[in-house]
């Protein structure tokens, strides 16, 4: 069969890899300019060179044998490397977190910068609706987008799937990207809030340039930090302008660091509206009659492994023999 996949993140591309391995064809479409999504790496030019920030997912770790094998494969090929500062099993993409998604994307037919606005089923095959055109036909369609974007795509065709997506709430997250010419005089590179619910102003702070393959001042590059606000703080400041948010977050980071911060080379804020989905416990959704499915970390847990597990589970369901 020829599958159309909406969303070329880790879940969708993991599913694609398994389907292609079983002899099917896949065409994926993603609204982003390139691979990454919430595993994106932001690059900013400065007088000292390029500053790079993993401003979404910070690292990944394996708790299941399947993802452990995937992580080991990435590490063996230099696509991932251990980052002990974040934990004994923590790994990061090299040279950025988006390297993990890019590695899968290059193996498939992926069209970026392509926003799919709807689905049409003619009784036999599927078509994807874009601005002023359609793509297809496809024998089956997989929706691998965040729940908030999946719900309207699924609503006209599979109400139970759409209801599951619509009922999944995501926590927002404001992220600060900060760079300096010289290293900050701190004896730590990773800080994580002890409050499990993340009710404080900040939830995470990491010296991004200390990750493997990132460069940093030792190589003449800027010192880069990524700071995540807590979910409650992010919700309360969600509609503020980024320039106002970055000022507040720099103040919070200075308080955390216990020092007056020098003027940064880069100070930018990014708003993730759908940063941490709650999960539904379904792992993946598939309607064999319609040949329509959904996968993503909103169905499992808001981790890189969660996205991988969901894409794997959906492919397994699709490839399983149909029992009459």
Protein backbone atom coordinates (compact mmCIF):
# COMPACT_ATOMS: atom_id res chain seq x y z
CA UNK A 1 0.00 0.00 0.00
CA UNK A 2 0.92 3.66 -0.37
CA UNK A 3 0.65 5.50 2.95
CA UNK A 4 0.29 9.25 3.36
CA UNK A 5 1.69 10.41 6.70
CA UNK A 6 0.81 13.84 8.09
CA UNK A 7 3.60 14.92 10.41
CA UNK A 8 7.26 14.01 9.93
CA UNK A 9 8.26 13.92 13.58
CA UNK A 10 9.73 10.94 15.38
CA UNK A 11 6.42 9.06 15.72
CA UNK A 12 5.45 9.40 12.07
CA UNK A 13 8.91 8.59 10.72
CA UNK A 14 9.36 5.61 13.04
CA UNK A 15 6.08 4.22 11.74
CA UNK A 16 7.21 4.98 8.18
CA UNK A 17 10.46 3.05 8.63
CA UNK A 18 8.62 -0.09 9.74
CA UNK A 19 6.08 0.15 6.92
CA UNK A 20 8.77 0.63 4.28
CA UNK A 21 10.69 -2.28 5.78
CA UNK A 22 7.60 -4.42 5.23
CA UNK A 23 7.41 -3.46 1.56
CA UNK A 24 4.95 -0.54 1.63
CA UNK A 25 5.48 2.95 0.16
CA UNK A 26 5.32 6.10 2.27
CA UNK A 27 5.00 9.82 1.52
CA UNK A 28 5.23 12.14 4.55
CA UNK A 29 4.22 15.79 4.80
CA UNK A 30 5.18 18.29 7.51
CA UNK A 31 4.40 21.96 7.97
CA UNK A 32 7.84 22.69 9.43
CA UNK A 33 10.74 24.04 7.41
CA UNK A 34 12.86 21.01 8.29
CA UNK A 35 13.07 17.99 10.58
CA UNK A 36 12.72 18.53 14.30
CA UNK A 37 9.37 19.72 15.63
CA UNK A 38 9.71 19.66 19.41
CA UNK A 39 13.19 18.19 18.86
CA UNK A 40 14.28 21.27 16.91
CA UNK A 41 17.66 22.99 17.11
CA UNK A 42 17.62 26.78 16.75
CA UNK A 43 20.64 28.48 15.18
CA UNK A 44 21.40 32.17 15.70
CA UNK A 45 24.33 34.04 14.15
CA UNK A 46 26.39 36.19 16.53
CA UNK A 47 29.66 38.21 16.20
CA UNK A 48 31.41 35.18 17.77
CA UNK A 49 29.90 32.66 15.42
CA UNK A 50 26.79 30.54 15.47
CA UNK A 51 24.88 29.94 18.69
CA UNK A 52 22.92 26.67 18.75
CA UNK A 53 20.06 25.81 21.08
CA UNK A 54 18.13 22.57 21.59
CA UNK A 55 15.10 24.61 22.60
CA UNK A 56 12.61 21.73 22.78
CA UNK A 57 13.39 18.21 23.95
CA UNK A 58 16.66 18.21 25.90
CA UNK A 59 17.71 14.54 25.87
CA UNK A 60 16.32 11.03 25.62
CA UNK A 61 16.75 7.80 27.56
CA UNK A 62 15.62 4.23 26.94
CA UNK A 63 13.41 2.24 29.32
CA UNK A 64 12.36 -0.41 26.78
CA UNK A 65 14.49 -2.91 24.82
CA UNK A 66 13.23 -1.69 21.45
CA UNK A 67 14.13 1.94 21.97
CA UNK A 68 17.41 0.91 23.60
CA UNK A 69 18.33 -0.82 20.32
CA UNK A 70 17.37 2.29 18.34
CA UNK A 71 19.43 4.49 20.65
CA UNK A 72 22.40 2.12 20.39
CA UNK A 73 22.18 2.25 16.58
CA UNK A 74 22.17 6.06 16.62
CA UNK A 75 25.14 6.10 19.00
CA UNK A 76 27.10 3.59 16.91
CA UNK A 77 26.67 5.80 13.85
CA UNK A 78 27.51 9.04 15.68
CA UNK A 79 23.96 10.39 15.46
CA UNK A 80 23.62 10.31 19.27
CA UNK A 81 26.04 10.47 22.21
CA UNK A 82 25.80 10.06 25.99
CA UNK A 83 25.25 13.17 28.11
CA UNK A 84 25.98 12.06 31.70
CA UNK A 85 25.20 15.50 33.16
CA UNK A 86 21.48 14.81 32.60
CA UNK A 87 21.56 11.26 33.95
CA UNK A 88 23.41 7.95 33.60
CA UNK A 89 21.33 6.85 30.59
CA UNK A 90 20.77 10.25 28.96
CA UNK A 91 21.66 10.68 25.27
CA UNK A 92 21.47 13.65 22.93
CA UNK A 93 21.42 14.00 19.18
CA UNK A 94 24.68 15.14 17.56
CA UNK A 95 25.23 17.93 16.62
CA UNK A 96 21.69 18.81 17.71
CA UNK A 97 18.60 17.03 18.99
CA UNK A 98 17.04 17.31 15.54
CA UNK A 99 19.74 14.95 14.23
CA UNK A 100 17.65 12.01 15.45
CA UNK A 101 14.65 13.05 13.35
CA UNK A 102 16.82 14.11 10.41
CA UNK A 103 18.42 10.67 10.35
CA UNK A 104 15.00 9.05 9.79
CA UNK A 105 13.74 11.78 7.44
CA UNK A 106 16.57 11.32 4.96
CA UNK A 107 15.52 7.71 4.47
CA UNK A 108 12.01 8.57 3.25
CA UNK A 109 10.00 10.72 0.87
CA UNK A 110 9.29 13.77 3.05
CA UNK A 111 7.90 17.13 1.93
CA UNK A 112 8.54 19.96 4.40
CA UNK A 113 6.83 23.35 4.44
CA UNK A 114 3.57 21.62 3.57
CA UNK A 115 0.50 22.29 5.72
CA UNK A 116 -2.23 19.66 5.38
CA UNK A 117 -5.60 21.25 6.14
CA UNK A 118 -7.94 18.34 5.64
CA UNK A 119 -8.61 14.79 4.46
CA UNK A 120 -10.94 13.54 1.73
CA UNK A 121 -11.99 9.90 1.30
CA UNK A 122 -13.63 9.03 -2.02
CA UNK A 123 -14.87 5.66 -0.84
CA UNK A 124 -11.74 3.84 -1.93
CA UNK A 125 -8.71 6.09 -1.43
CA UNK A 126 -7.53 9.10 0.52
CA UNK A 127 -6.49 12.60 -0.56
CA UNK A 128 -4.70 15.26 1.49
CA UNK A 129 -6.06 18.79 1.17
CA UNK A 130 -3.50 21.60 0.94
CA UNK A 131 -3.85 25.23 -0.09
CA UNK A 132 -5.36 25.13 -3.55
CA UNK A 133 -4.42 21.51 -4.29
CA UNK A 134 -4.71 17.90 -3.24
CA UNK A 135 -2.05 15.24 -2.80
CA UNK A 136 -2.75 11.58 -3.40
CA UNK A 137 -4.31 9.20 -3.85
CA UNK A 138 -3.21 7.13 -0.86
CA UNK A 139 -4.40 3.72 0.22
CA UNK A 140 -4.12 4.69 3.89
CA UNK A 141 -3.41 7.80 5.97
CA UNK A 142 -1.60 8.24 9.27
CA UNK A 143 -2.01 11.40 11.33
CA UNK A 144 1.19 11.92 13.34
CA UNK A 145 0.69 15.47 14.61
CA UNK A 146 0.08 16.87 18.11
CA UNK A 147 -3.38 16.05 19.46
CA UNK A 148 -4.66 19.61 19.00
CA UNK A 149 -3.83 19.43 15.28
CA UNK A 150 -4.92 15.80 14.86
CA UNK A 151 -8.46 16.32 16.19
CA UNK A 152 -9.81 18.47 13.32
CA UNK A 153 -8.16 16.25 10.69
CA UNK A 154 -9.78 13.14 12.15
CA UNK A 155 -13.16 14.60 13.10
CA UNK A 156 -14.99 14.10 9.79
CA UNK A 157 -13.87 10.49 9.37
CA UNK A 158 -13.22 8.79 12.72
CA UNK A 159 -15.09 10.39 15.60
CA UNK A 160 -13.66 8.10 18.33
CA UNK A 161 -10.11 9.01 17.27
CA UNK A 162 -10.99 12.69 17.08
CA UNK A 163 -12.60 12.53 20.53
CA UNK A 164 -9.45 10.93 21.98
CA UNK A 165 -7.32 13.68 20.45
CA UNK A 166 -9.64 16.50 21.50
CA UNK A 167 -9.71 15.18 25.07
CA UNK A 168 -5.93 15.26 25.40
CA UNK A 169 -4.74 18.47 27.03
CA UNK A 170 -1.17 19.69 26.59
CA UNK A 171 0.83 21.87 28.94
CA UNK A 172 2.49 24.91 27.41
CA UNK A 173 6.12 25.89 27.90
CA UNK A 174 8.00 29.14 27.43
CA UNK A 175 11.67 28.59 26.56
CA UNK A 176 14.51 31.09 26.85
CA UNK A 177 17.58 30.83 24.59
CA UNK A 178 20.55 32.73 26.03
CA UNK A 179 24.14 33.06 24.81
CA UNK A 180 27.22 34.81 26.17
CA UNK A 181 30.74 35.38 24.90
CA UNK A 182 32.33 33.74 27.95
CA UNK A 183 31.29 30.80 30.15
CA UNK A 184 29.13 31.65 33.14
CA UNK A 185 31.06 30.96 36.38
CA UNK A 186 28.72 28.19 37.51
CA UNK A 187 29.82 24.79 38.80
CA UNK A 188 26.83 23.04 37.24
CA UNK A 189 25.54 22.56 33.69
CA UNK A 190 22.11 21.04 34.35
CA UNK A 191 19.43 22.07 36.83
CA UNK A 192 15.97 20.54 37.13
CA UNK A 193 13.21 21.61 39.48
CA UNK A 194 12.53 19.16 42.29
CA UNK A 195 8.84 20.06 42.22
CA UNK A 196 7.38 17.20 40.15
CA UNK A 197 4.42 19.36 39.08
CA UNK A 198 6.66 22.19 37.93
CA UNK A 199 4.80 24.88 39.83
CA UNK A 200 7.86 27.13 40.09
CA UNK A 201 8.84 29.79 37.57
CA UNK A 202 11.59 27.58 36.10
CA UNK A 203 11.57 23.84 35.44
CA UNK A 204 14.89 23.28 33.65
CA UNK A 205 18.15 25.04 32.84
CA UNK A 206 21.03 23.54 30.85
CA UNK A 207 24.34 24.69 29.42
CA UNK A 208 23.57 23.63 25.85
CA UNK A 209 27.14 24.16 24.70
CA UNK A 210 28.27 21.50 27.22
CA UNK A 211 26.46 18.78 25.31
CA UNK A 212 28.56 16.51 23.05
CA UNK A 213 29.31 17.98 19.63
CA UNK A 214 28.03 21.47 20.45
CA UNK A 215 31.22 23.55 20.30
CA UNK A 216 31.17 26.27 22.92
CA UNK A 217 33.73 28.83 24.15
CA UNK A 218 36.61 26.33 24.07
CA UNK A 219 36.19 26.21 20.30
CA UNK A 220 35.53 29.91 19.90
CA UNK A 221 31.75 29.61 19.88
CA UNK A 222 29.33 31.36 22.25
CA UNK A 223 28.26 29.90 25.60
CA UNK A 224 24.65 28.78 25.11
CA UNK A 225 21.97 28.06 27.69
CA UNK A 226 18.40 26.77 27.36
CA UNK A 227 15.92 27.56 30.13
CA UNK A 228 12.38 26.11 30.33
CA UNK A 229 9.70 27.80 32.40
CA UNK A 230 7.40 25.70 34.55
CA UNK A 231 3.96 24.75 33.13
CA UNK A 232 1.97 26.89 35.55
CA UNK A 233 4.17 29.95 34.94
CA UNK A 234 3.99 29.33 31.17
CA UNK A 235 0.20 29.10 31.28
CA UNK A 236 -0.13 32.35 33.20
CA UNK A 237 2.19 34.18 30.77
CA UNK A 238 1.13 32.33 27.62
CA UNK A 239 -0.19 35.33 25.68
CA UNK A 240 2.60 37.76 26.60
CA UNK A 241 4.89 39.04 23.87
CA UNK A 242 8.22 37.16 23.60
CA UNK A 243 10.24 40.32 24.35
CA UNK A 244 8.43 40.75 27.65
CA UNK A 245 8.73 37.06 28.52
CA UNK A 246 12.47 36.92 27.89
CA UNK A 247 13.05 39.77 30.34
CA UNK A 248 11.17 37.92 33.07
CA UNK A 249 12.92 34.64 32.35
CA UNK A 250 16.37 36.23 32.43
CA UNK A 251 15.53 37.62 35.86
CA UNK A 252 14.46 34.17 37.06
CA UNK A 253 17.61 32.57 35.65
CA UNK A 254 19.79 35.20 37.32
CA UNK A 255 18.09 34.41 40.64
CA UNK A 256 18.68 30.69 40.07
CA UNK A 257 22.34 31.31 39.19
CA UNK A 258 22.74 33.62 42.20
CA UNK A 259 24.57 36.26 40.20
CA UNK A 260 24.11 39.34 38.07
CA UNK A 261 24.25 38.14 34.49
CA UNK A 262 26.33 39.95 31.88
CA UNK A 263 24.60 41.32 28.81
CA UNK A 264 23.83 38.33 26.57
CA UNK A 265 24.75 38.05 22.91
CA UNK A 266 21.43 36.30 22.32
CA UNK A 267 18.24 36.51 24.38
CA UNK A 268 15.17 35.03 22.72
CA UNK A 269 11.99 33.34 23.85
CA UNK A 270 9.98 30.60 22.15
CA UNK A 271 6.44 29.63 23.06
CA UNK A 272 5.58 25.92 22.86
CA UNK A 273 1.79 25.83 23.08
CA UNK A 274 1.64 22.02 22.98
CA UNK A 275 4.80 21.04 24.85
CA UNK A 276 3.73 18.22 27.16
CA UNK A 277 0.63 16.18 26.27
CA UNK A 278 -1.04 14.22 29.06
CA UNK A 279 -1.19 10.87 27.23
CA UNK A 280 -4.23 8.63 26.75
CA UNK A 281 -2.82 5.18 27.40
CA UNK A 282 -3.86 3.98 23.92
CA UNK A 283 -0.32 3.90 22.43
CA UNK A 284 -1.65 4.12 18.85
CA UNK A 285 -4.98 4.25 16.99
CA UNK A 286 -5.85 2.30 13.83
CA UNK A 287 -9.10 1.71 11.94
CA UNK A 288 -8.51 -1.17 9.54
CA UNK A 289 -11.76 -0.58 7.65
CA UNK A 290 -11.04 3.08 6.99
CA UNK A 291 -7.29 2.54 6.75
CA UNK A 292 -6.82 5.58 8.96
CA UNK A 293 -4.53 5.78 11.99
CA UNK A 294 -2.93 8.14 14.48
CA UNK A 295 0.27 8.08 16.49
CA UNK A 296 2.28 10.48 18.61
CA UNK A 297 3.52 11.09 22.11
CA UNK A 298 0.06 12.43 23.04
CA UNK A 299 -1.05 8.80 23.03
CA UNK A 300 1.77 7.53 25.25
CA UNK A 301 3.94 9.95 27.24
CA UNK A 302 5.62 13.29 26.42
CA UNK A 303 9.09 11.88 25.76
CA UNK A 304 11.17 11.00 22.72
CA UNK A 305 10.82 7.35 23.63
CA UNK A 306 7.07 7.82 23.93
CA UNK A 307 6.86 9.11 20.34
CA UNK A 308 9.02 6.23 19.09
CA UNK A 309 6.90 3.66 20.94
CA UNK A 310 3.69 5.09 19.48
CA UNK A 311 4.99 5.01 15.90
CA UNK A 312 6.23 1.46 16.41
CA UNK A 313 2.92 0.32 17.91
CA UNK A 314 0.91 1.77 15.03
CA UNK A 315 3.09 0.04 12.44
CA UNK A 316 2.72 -3.24 14.33
CA UNK A 317 -1.07 -2.90 14.32
CA UNK A 318 -1.15 -2.10 10.61
CA UNK A 319 1.08 -5.04 9.74
CA UNK A 320 -0.68 -7.53 12.01
CA UNK A 321 -2.82 -10.15 10.23
CA UNK A 322 -6.51 -9.25 10.18
CA UNK A 323 -8.62 -11.82 11.99
CA UNK A 324 -12.05 -12.27 10.42
